[in-house]
Amino acid sequence: MRWHELTNAPHGDNENRLFRVVHPYHPLFQQEFEAVSYRQNWGEDRVWFHDKNGRLQSVPTAWTDSAPVDPFVVVAAGRSLFRVEDLLELSQRMQAGKPEGAESRVKGKMS
C-alpha cells in the first residue's frame, strides 16, 4: 500500500508547535508564534501561523528556529560565514555575468 501525504496537511509528528522567527532582517525577527501547520509550498518548506492580528501568514521554515540545523553551521561555529559550495556558485555566477573580453582588459591593465 502506498501512502501519499497531502501537501496541505499539518505534520503530525511535531510536538513543539511554538517557533521563533530567527532571520535577522525579517520584520517579525525574534517574535514567537504557534504553528498552525508545516507544508511545502512554492518549492520550499514553510511554517503557517496566525500573526498578532489573527491573519494566516507563512514564512520559510529555514527562517525559523524549527528548521533542522545545518551541519556546516554547527561545525564552523561562527568561524566561517560561507560554505564552499555557496562560494563556488557565487564565483560561477560572477563569471557568467562578465561581459565578453572583460578578463583580457583587466589583465592588460595589470601588466
N, C-alpha and C. Protein backbone atom coordinates (compact mmCIF):
# COMPACT_ATOMS: atom_id res chain seq x y z
N MET A 1 0.84 -1.19 0.00
CA MET A 1 0.00 0.00 0.00
C MET A 1 0.88 1.25 0.00
N ARG A 2 0.62 2.15 -0.93
CA ARG A 2 1.39 3.40 -1.00
C ARG A 2 0.70 4.47 -0.17
N TRP A 3 1.50 5.29 0.44
CA TRP A 3 0.98 6.39 1.25
C TRP A 3 1.39 7.70 0.60
N HIS A 4 0.44 8.56 0.35
CA HIS A 4 0.72 9.88 -0.22
C HIS A 4 0.29 10.93 0.80
N GLU A 5 1.26 11.65 1.32
CA GLU A 5 0.94 12.69 2.29
C GLU A 5 0.45 13.92 1.54
N LEU A 6 -0.65 14.49 1.99
CA LEU A 6 -1.16 15.70 1.38
C LEU A 6 -0.23 16.87 1.70
N THR A 7 0.01 17.73 0.71
CA THR A 7 0.91 18.85 0.96
C THR A 7 0.28 19.92 1.84
N ASN A 8 -1.04 19.89 1.98
CA ASN A 8 -1.67 20.90 2.83
C ASN A 8 -2.03 20.35 4.20
N ALA A 9 -1.66 19.11 4.49
CA ALA A 9 -1.95 18.52 5.79
C ALA A 9 -0.85 18.90 6.78
N PRO A 10 -1.22 19.23 8.02
CA PRO A 10 -0.18 19.54 9.01
C PRO A 10 0.63 18.30 9.34
N HIS A 11 1.89 18.50 9.68
CA HIS A 11 2.74 17.40 10.10
C HIS A 11 2.33 16.97 11.51
N GLY A 12 2.00 15.72 11.67
CA GLY A 12 1.53 15.24 12.97
C GLY A 12 2.63 14.92 13.94
N ASP A 13 3.90 14.86 13.49
CA ASP A 13 4.99 14.46 14.37
C ASP A 13 5.65 15.65 15.06
N ASN A 14 5.05 16.79 15.04
CA ASN A 14 5.65 17.98 15.62
C ASN A 14 5.07 18.23 17.01
N GLU A 15 5.86 17.89 18.04
CA GLU A 15 5.41 18.08 19.41
C GLU A 15 5.36 19.56 19.80
N ASN A 16 6.45 20.24 19.55
CA ASN A 16 6.55 21.65 19.94
C ASN A 16 6.04 22.51 18.79
N ARG A 17 4.90 23.10 18.96
CA ARG A 17 4.32 23.88 17.88
C ARG A 17 4.67 25.36 17.98
N LEU A 18 5.44 25.75 19.00
CA LEU A 18 5.89 27.13 19.08
C LEU A 18 7.19 27.28 18.30
N PHE A 19 7.33 28.39 17.61
CA PHE A 19 8.56 28.66 16.88
C PHE A 19 8.86 30.14 16.97
N ARG A 20 10.10 30.49 16.68
CA ARG A 20 10.55 31.87 16.69
C ARG A 20 11.16 32.19 15.34
N VAL A 21 10.87 33.39 14.82
CA VAL A 21 11.48 33.85 13.57
C VAL A 21 12.91 34.29 13.90
N VAL A 22 13.89 33.66 13.23
CA VAL A 22 15.30 33.94 13.54
C VAL A 22 16.04 34.64 12.40
N HIS A 23 15.36 34.90 11.28
CA HIS A 23 16.01 35.62 10.17
C HIS A 23 16.21 37.07 10.62
N PRO A 24 17.45 37.55 10.66
CA PRO A 24 17.71 38.87 11.26
C PRO A 24 17.09 40.05 10.53
N TYR A 25 16.72 39.90 9.26
CA TYR A 25 16.15 41.03 8.52
C TYR A 25 14.64 40.92 8.34
N HIS A 26 14.03 39.90 8.93
CA HIS A 26 12.58 39.76 8.82
C HIS A 26 11.91 40.68 9.84
N PRO A 27 10.80 41.33 9.47
CA PRO A 27 10.14 42.25 10.43
C PRO A 27 9.62 41.56 11.69
N LEU A 28 9.44 40.25 11.65
CA LEU A 28 8.97 39.51 12.83
C LEU A 28 10.13 38.87 13.61
N PHE A 29 11.34 39.32 13.35
CA PHE A 29 12.53 38.77 14.00
C PHE A 29 12.36 38.71 15.51
N GLN A 30 12.69 37.54 16.05
CA GLN A 30 12.65 37.23 17.50
C GLN A 30 11.25 37.11 18.08
N GLN A 31 10.21 37.22 17.27
CA GLN A 31 8.86 37.04 17.77
C GLN A 31 8.50 35.55 17.73
N GLU A 32 7.70 35.13 18.70
CA GLU A 32 7.32 33.72 18.82
C GLU A 32 5.85 33.55 18.44
N PHE A 33 5.56 32.47 17.72
CA PHE A 33 4.21 32.17 17.27
C PHE A 33 3.92 30.70 17.45
N GLU A 34 2.63 30.36 17.40
CA GLU A 34 2.22 28.97 17.42
C GLU A 34 1.98 28.52 15.98
N ALA A 35 2.63 27.43 15.59
CA ALA A 35 2.49 26.92 14.23
C ALA A 35 1.10 26.32 14.04
N VAL A 36 0.49 26.66 12.92
CA VAL A 36 -0.77 26.05 12.53
C VAL A 36 -0.47 24.78 11.75
N SER A 37 0.50 24.87 10.82
CA SER A 37 0.92 23.69 10.05
C SER A 37 2.27 23.96 9.41
N TYR A 38 2.89 22.87 8.99
CA TYR A 38 4.13 22.92 8.22
C TYR A 38 3.80 22.28 6.88
N ARG A 39 4.06 23.00 5.79
CA ARG A 39 3.76 22.49 4.45
C ARG A 39 4.87 22.87 3.49
N GLN A 40 4.87 22.18 2.38
CA GLN A 40 5.76 22.60 1.31
C GLN A 40 4.93 23.35 0.29
N ASN A 41 5.25 24.61 0.14
CA ASN A 41 4.58 25.48 -0.82
C ASN A 41 5.64 26.24 -1.60
N TRP A 42 5.38 26.44 -2.87
CA TRP A 42 6.27 27.22 -3.73
C TRP A 42 7.69 26.64 -3.72
N GLY A 43 7.80 25.32 -3.59
CA GLY A 43 9.09 24.65 -3.67
C GLY A 43 9.94 24.73 -2.43
N GLU A 44 9.38 25.13 -1.31
CA GLU A 44 10.15 25.18 -0.07
C GLU A 44 9.26 24.85 1.11
N ASP A 45 9.88 24.40 2.20
CA ASP A 45 9.14 24.12 3.42
C ASP A 45 8.78 25.44 4.09
N ARG A 46 7.52 25.55 4.50
CA ARG A 46 7.05 26.78 5.14
C ARG A 46 6.29 26.44 6.40
N VAL A 47 6.32 27.34 7.35
CA VAL A 47 5.52 27.20 8.56
C VAL A 47 4.40 28.24 8.49
N TRP A 48 3.17 27.79 8.75
CA TRP A 48 1.99 28.65 8.70
C TRP A 48 1.56 28.96 10.13
N PHE A 49 1.14 30.20 10.36
CA PHE A 49 0.79 30.66 11.70
C PHE A 49 -0.16 31.85 11.59
N HIS A 50 -0.79 32.18 12.70
CA HIS A 50 -1.62 33.38 12.76
C HIS A 50 -0.78 34.49 13.40
N ASP A 51 -0.74 35.64 12.73
CA ASP A 51 0.03 36.76 13.28
C ASP A 51 -0.72 37.41 14.43
N LYS A 52 -0.18 38.48 14.96
CA LYS A 52 -0.78 39.17 16.12
C LYS A 52 -2.18 39.70 15.83
N ASN A 53 -2.50 39.91 14.52
CA ASN A 53 -3.82 40.39 14.13
C ASN A 53 -4.76 39.26 13.72
N GLY A 54 -4.30 38.02 13.87
CA GLY A 54 -5.14 36.88 13.55
C GLY A 54 -5.12 36.45 12.09
N ARG A 55 -4.29 37.11 11.26
CA ARG A 55 -4.21 36.74 9.85
C ARG A 55 -3.30 35.54 9.68
N LEU A 56 -3.69 34.63 8.77
CA LEU A 56 -2.86 33.47 8.48
C LEU A 56 -1.67 33.91 7.63
N GLN A 57 -0.47 33.61 8.09
CA GLN A 57 0.77 34.01 7.42
C GLN A 57 1.67 32.78 7.28
N SER A 58 2.70 32.90 6.47
CA SER A 58 3.70 31.84 6.41
C SER A 58 5.07 32.45 6.19
N VAL A 59 6.08 31.73 6.64
CA VAL A 59 7.47 32.09 6.40
C VAL A 59 8.22 30.80 6.06
N PRO A 60 9.33 30.91 5.33
CA PRO A 60 10.13 29.70 5.09
C PRO A 60 10.59 29.12 6.42
N THR A 61 10.50 27.82 6.55
CA THR A 61 10.91 27.16 7.79
C THR A 61 12.37 27.46 8.10
N ALA A 62 13.19 27.65 7.07
CA ALA A 62 14.61 27.95 7.27
C ALA A 62 14.81 29.27 8.00
N TRP A 63 13.83 30.13 8.01
CA TRP A 63 13.93 31.41 8.70
C TRP A 63 13.47 31.32 10.15
N THR A 64 13.20 30.12 10.62
CA THR A 64 12.71 29.93 11.98
C THR A 64 13.63 29.00 12.76
N ASP A 65 13.40 28.93 14.06
CA ASP A 65 14.19 28.01 14.88
C ASP A 65 13.66 26.58 14.82
N SER A 66 12.62 26.33 14.04
CA SER A 66 12.11 24.96 13.91
C SER A 66 12.75 24.23 12.74
N ALA A 67 13.60 24.90 11.98
CA ALA A 67 14.30 24.26 10.86
C ALA A 67 15.42 23.39 11.40
N PRO A 68 15.72 22.29 10.70
CA PRO A 68 16.86 21.49 11.13
C PRO A 68 18.15 22.30 11.02
N VAL A 69 19.06 22.08 11.93
CA VAL A 69 20.31 22.83 11.96
C VAL A 69 21.23 22.31 10.85
N ASP A 70 21.80 23.24 10.08
CA ASP A 70 22.74 22.90 9.01
C ASP A 70 24.03 22.40 9.67
N PRO A 71 24.47 21.18 9.33
CA PRO A 71 25.69 20.64 9.95
C PRO A 71 26.91 21.54 9.74
N PHE A 72 27.00 22.22 8.59
CA PHE A 72 28.13 23.12 8.35
C PHE A 72 28.15 24.25 9.39
N VAL A 73 26.98 24.80 9.69
CA VAL A 73 26.90 25.90 10.65
C VAL A 73 27.39 25.43 12.02
N VAL A 74 27.03 24.23 12.40
CA VAL A 74 27.46 23.68 13.70
C VAL A 74 28.97 23.51 13.73
N VAL A 75 29.53 22.88 12.69
CA VAL A 75 30.96 22.61 12.66
C VAL A 75 31.77 23.91 12.55
N ALA A 76 31.29 24.86 11.74
CA ALA A 76 32.01 26.12 11.57
C ALA A 76 32.02 26.95 12.85
N ALA A 77 30.98 26.82 13.64
CA ALA A 77 30.89 27.51 14.94
C ALA A 77 31.24 29.00 14.84
N GLY A 78 30.75 29.66 13.78
CA GLY A 78 30.97 31.09 13.62
C GLY A 78 32.29 31.47 13.00
N ARG A 79 33.15 30.49 12.68
CA ARG A 79 34.46 30.79 12.11
C ARG A 79 34.40 31.01 10.60
N SER A 80 33.34 30.56 9.95
CA SER A 80 33.22 30.72 8.50
C SER A 80 31.82 31.21 8.18
N LEU A 81 31.74 32.27 7.43
CA LEU A 81 30.45 32.83 7.09
C LEU A 81 29.83 32.20 5.85
N PHE A 82 30.66 31.52 5.03
CA PHE A 82 30.18 30.98 3.76
C PHE A 82 30.59 29.53 3.62
N ARG A 83 29.69 28.73 3.05
CA ARG A 83 30.01 27.35 2.72
C ARG A 83 30.75 27.33 1.39
N VAL A 84 31.64 26.35 1.21
CA VAL A 84 32.42 26.25 -0.02
C VAL A 84 31.51 26.16 -1.23
N GLU A 85 30.45 25.35 -1.15
CA GLU A 85 29.56 25.21 -2.31
C GLU A 85 28.88 26.53 -2.67
N ASP A 86 28.58 27.36 -1.67
CA ASP A 86 27.97 28.66 -1.96
C ASP A 86 28.98 29.61 -2.62
N LEU A 87 30.25 29.56 -2.17
CA LEU A 87 31.27 30.40 -2.78
C LEU A 87 31.55 29.98 -4.22
N LEU A 88 31.55 28.68 -4.47
CA LEU A 88 31.76 28.20 -5.84
C LEU A 88 30.61 28.64 -6.75
N GLU A 89 29.38 28.55 -6.25
CA GLU A 89 28.24 29.00 -7.05
C GLU A 89 28.32 30.50 -7.32
N LEU A 90 28.70 31.27 -6.31
CA LEU A 90 28.86 32.72 -6.49
C LEU A 90 29.90 33.02 -7.56
N SER A 91 31.02 32.32 -7.51
CA SER A 91 32.08 32.51 -8.50
C SER A 91 31.58 32.20 -9.91
N GLN A 92 30.84 31.11 -10.05
CA GLN A 92 30.30 30.75 -11.36
C GLN A 92 29.33 31.80 -11.87
N ARG A 93 28.50 32.31 -10.99
CA ARG A 93 27.54 33.33 -11.41
C ARG A 93 28.23 34.63 -11.80
N MET A 94 29.29 34.96 -11.08
CA MET A 94 30.03 36.18 -11.41
C MET A 94 30.73 36.03 -12.76
N GLN A 95 31.31 34.85 -13.01
CA GLN A 95 31.96 34.60 -14.30
C GLN A 95 30.95 34.66 -15.43
N ALA A 96 29.77 34.11 -15.21
CA ALA A 96 28.73 34.09 -16.25
C ALA A 96 28.23 35.51 -16.55
N GLY A 97 28.31 36.40 -15.58
CA GLY A 97 27.79 37.75 -15.76
C GLY A 97 28.79 38.73 -16.34
N LYS A 98 30.04 38.30 -16.53
CA LYS A 98 31.06 39.21 -17.08
C LYS A 98 30.83 39.44 -18.57
N PRO A 99 31.00 40.68 -19.04
CA PRO A 99 30.92 40.91 -20.48
C PRO A 99 32.11 40.26 -21.18
N GLU A 100 31.92 39.90 -22.46
CA GLU A 100 32.98 39.23 -23.22
C GLU A 100 34.20 40.15 -23.31
N GLY A 101 35.38 39.57 -23.10
CA GLY A 101 36.62 40.32 -23.18
C GLY A 101 37.00 41.06 -21.91
N ALA A 102 36.17 41.05 -20.91
CA ALA A 102 36.45 41.79 -19.68
C ALA A 102 37.70 41.28 -19.00
N GLU A 103 37.91 39.96 -19.01
CA GLU A 103 39.07 39.38 -18.35
C GLU A 103 40.37 39.82 -19.02
N SER A 104 40.39 39.85 -20.35
CA SER A 104 41.61 40.25 -21.05
C SER A 104 41.90 41.74 -20.84
N ARG A 105 40.87 42.56 -20.73
CA ARG A 105 41.09 44.01 -20.47
C ARG A 105 41.69 44.20 -19.09
N VAL A 106 41.24 43.42 -18.09
CA VAL A 106 41.77 43.53 -16.73
C VAL A 106 43.23 43.09 -16.71
N LYS A 107 43.53 41.99 -17.38
CA LYS A 107 44.92 41.51 -17.42
C LYS A 107 45.83 42.54 -18.09
N GLY A 108 45.34 43.19 -19.13
CA GLY A 108 46.14 44.19 -19.82
C GLY A 108 46.45 45.39 -18.95
N LYS A 109 45.55 45.79 -18.08
CA LYS A 109 45.77 46.93 -17.20
C LYS A 109 46.75 46.59 -16.09
N MET A 110 46.82 45.31 -15.70
CA MET A 110 47.68 44.90 -14.60
C MET A 110 49.12 44.73 -15.05
N SER A 111 49.39 44.55 -16.36
CA SER A 111 50.76 44.32 -16.78
C SER A 111 51.48 45.60 -17.11
